[in-house]
Amino acid sequence: MGDYKTIGILSALEVESDIILKKMTDTEVSVIAGMTFTRGTIQGKTAVLATCGVSKVNAALFTQIMIDHFRPDCI
């Protein structure tokens, strides 16, 4: 996972997100503009996870909000 402080993860489907959520500890859920983001720790790194659905437009919206509110070092 490199030297990143915060890692952003976008998922199209909840079944994908569920696998990652099971590995996260110290989770905190935030709802911003009706979009749900889960911040937590994976292998000692801070991660922010969001399920955006299947759509380039949704992916772009979630990505911008993730950048604005969580400032990930990579997505």
Protein backbone atom coordinates (compact mmCIF):
# COMPACT_ATOMS: atom_id res chain seq x y z
CA MET A 1 0.00 0.00 0.00
CA GLY A 2 2.98 2.30 -0.29
CA ASP A 3 3.62 5.33 1.90
CA TYR A 4 0.13 6.72 1.52
CA LYS A 5 -1.55 8.13 4.63
CA THR A 6 -5.14 7.83 3.35
CA ILE A 7 -6.32 5.49 0.62
CA GLY A 8 -9.62 6.03 -1.21
CA ILE A 9 -11.50 2.98 -2.47
CA LEU A 10 -14.47 3.11 -4.83
CA SER A 11 -16.61 0.07 -5.50
CA ALA A 12 -19.36 -0.37 -8.05
CA LEU A 13 -21.22 -3.09 -6.14
CA GLU A 14 -22.01 -3.67 -2.46
CA VAL A 15 -20.86 -7.27 -2.72
CA GLU A 16 -17.38 -5.88 -3.47
CA SER A 17 -17.53 -3.33 -0.65
CA ASP A 18 -18.66 -5.96 1.86
CA ILE A 19 -15.41 -7.88 1.38
CA ILE A 20 -13.37 -4.76 2.13
CA LEU A 21 -15.60 -3.70 5.04
CA LYS A 22 -14.95 -7.05 6.76
CA LYS A 23 -11.24 -6.19 6.80
CA MET A 24 -11.73 -2.64 8.14
CA THR A 25 -11.46 -1.76 11.82
CA ASP A 26 -12.33 1.43 13.70
CA THR A 27 -14.97 2.33 11.12
CA GLU A 28 -16.87 5.61 10.99
CA VAL A 29 -19.71 6.21 8.54
CA SER A 30 -20.35 9.63 6.98
CA VAL A 31 -23.22 10.56 4.69
CA ILE A 32 -22.42 13.52 2.46
CA ALA A 33 -24.92 14.75 -0.14
CA GLY A 34 -26.78 11.46 0.25
CA MET A 35 -23.61 9.43 -0.44
CA THR A 36 -22.26 7.04 2.18
CA PHE A 37 -18.53 6.86 2.96
CA THR A 38 -16.92 4.54 5.48
CA ARG A 39 -13.59 5.56 6.96
CA GLY A 40 -11.52 3.02 8.84
CA THR A 41 -8.22 1.20 9.08
CA ILE A 42 -6.91 -1.63 6.90
CA GLN A 43 -3.51 -3.12 7.73
CA GLY A 44 -2.57 -0.02 9.71
CA LYS A 45 -3.52 2.41 6.93
CA THR A 46 -6.46 4.81 6.88
CA ALA A 47 -8.92 4.00 4.12
CA VAL A 48 -12.15 5.57 2.89
CA LEU A 49 -14.60 3.26 1.11
CA ALA A 50 -17.67 4.13 -0.95
CA THR A 51 -20.04 2.12 -3.12
CA CYS A 52 -20.98 4.31 -6.06
CA GLY A 53 -22.88 1.93 -8.32
CA VAL A 54 -22.28 1.18 -11.98
CA SER A 55 -21.97 4.55 -13.71
CA LYS A 56 -19.14 6.83 -14.81
CA VAL A 57 -21.13 9.82 -13.59
CA ASN A 58 -21.64 8.31 -10.12
CA ALA A 59 -17.97 7.34 -9.95
CA ALA A 60 -16.97 10.92 -10.80
CA LEU A 61 -19.33 12.42 -8.18
CA PHE A 62 -18.17 10.03 -5.43
CA THR A 63 -14.53 10.62 -6.37
CA GLN A 64 -14.85 14.41 -6.16
CA ILE A 65 -16.67 14.31 -2.82
CA MET A 66 -14.10 11.83 -1.48
CA ILE A 67 -11.30 14.19 -2.53
CA ASP A 68 -13.02 17.27 -1.09
CA HIS A 69 -13.90 15.74 2.29
CA PHE A 70 -11.30 13.04 2.99
CA ARG A 71 -8.23 14.18 1.00
CA PRO A 72 -6.98 10.68 0.07
CA ASP A 73 -3.42 10.35 -1.21
CA CYS A 74 -4.59 7.90 -3.86
CA ILE A 75 -7.87 6.42 -5.07
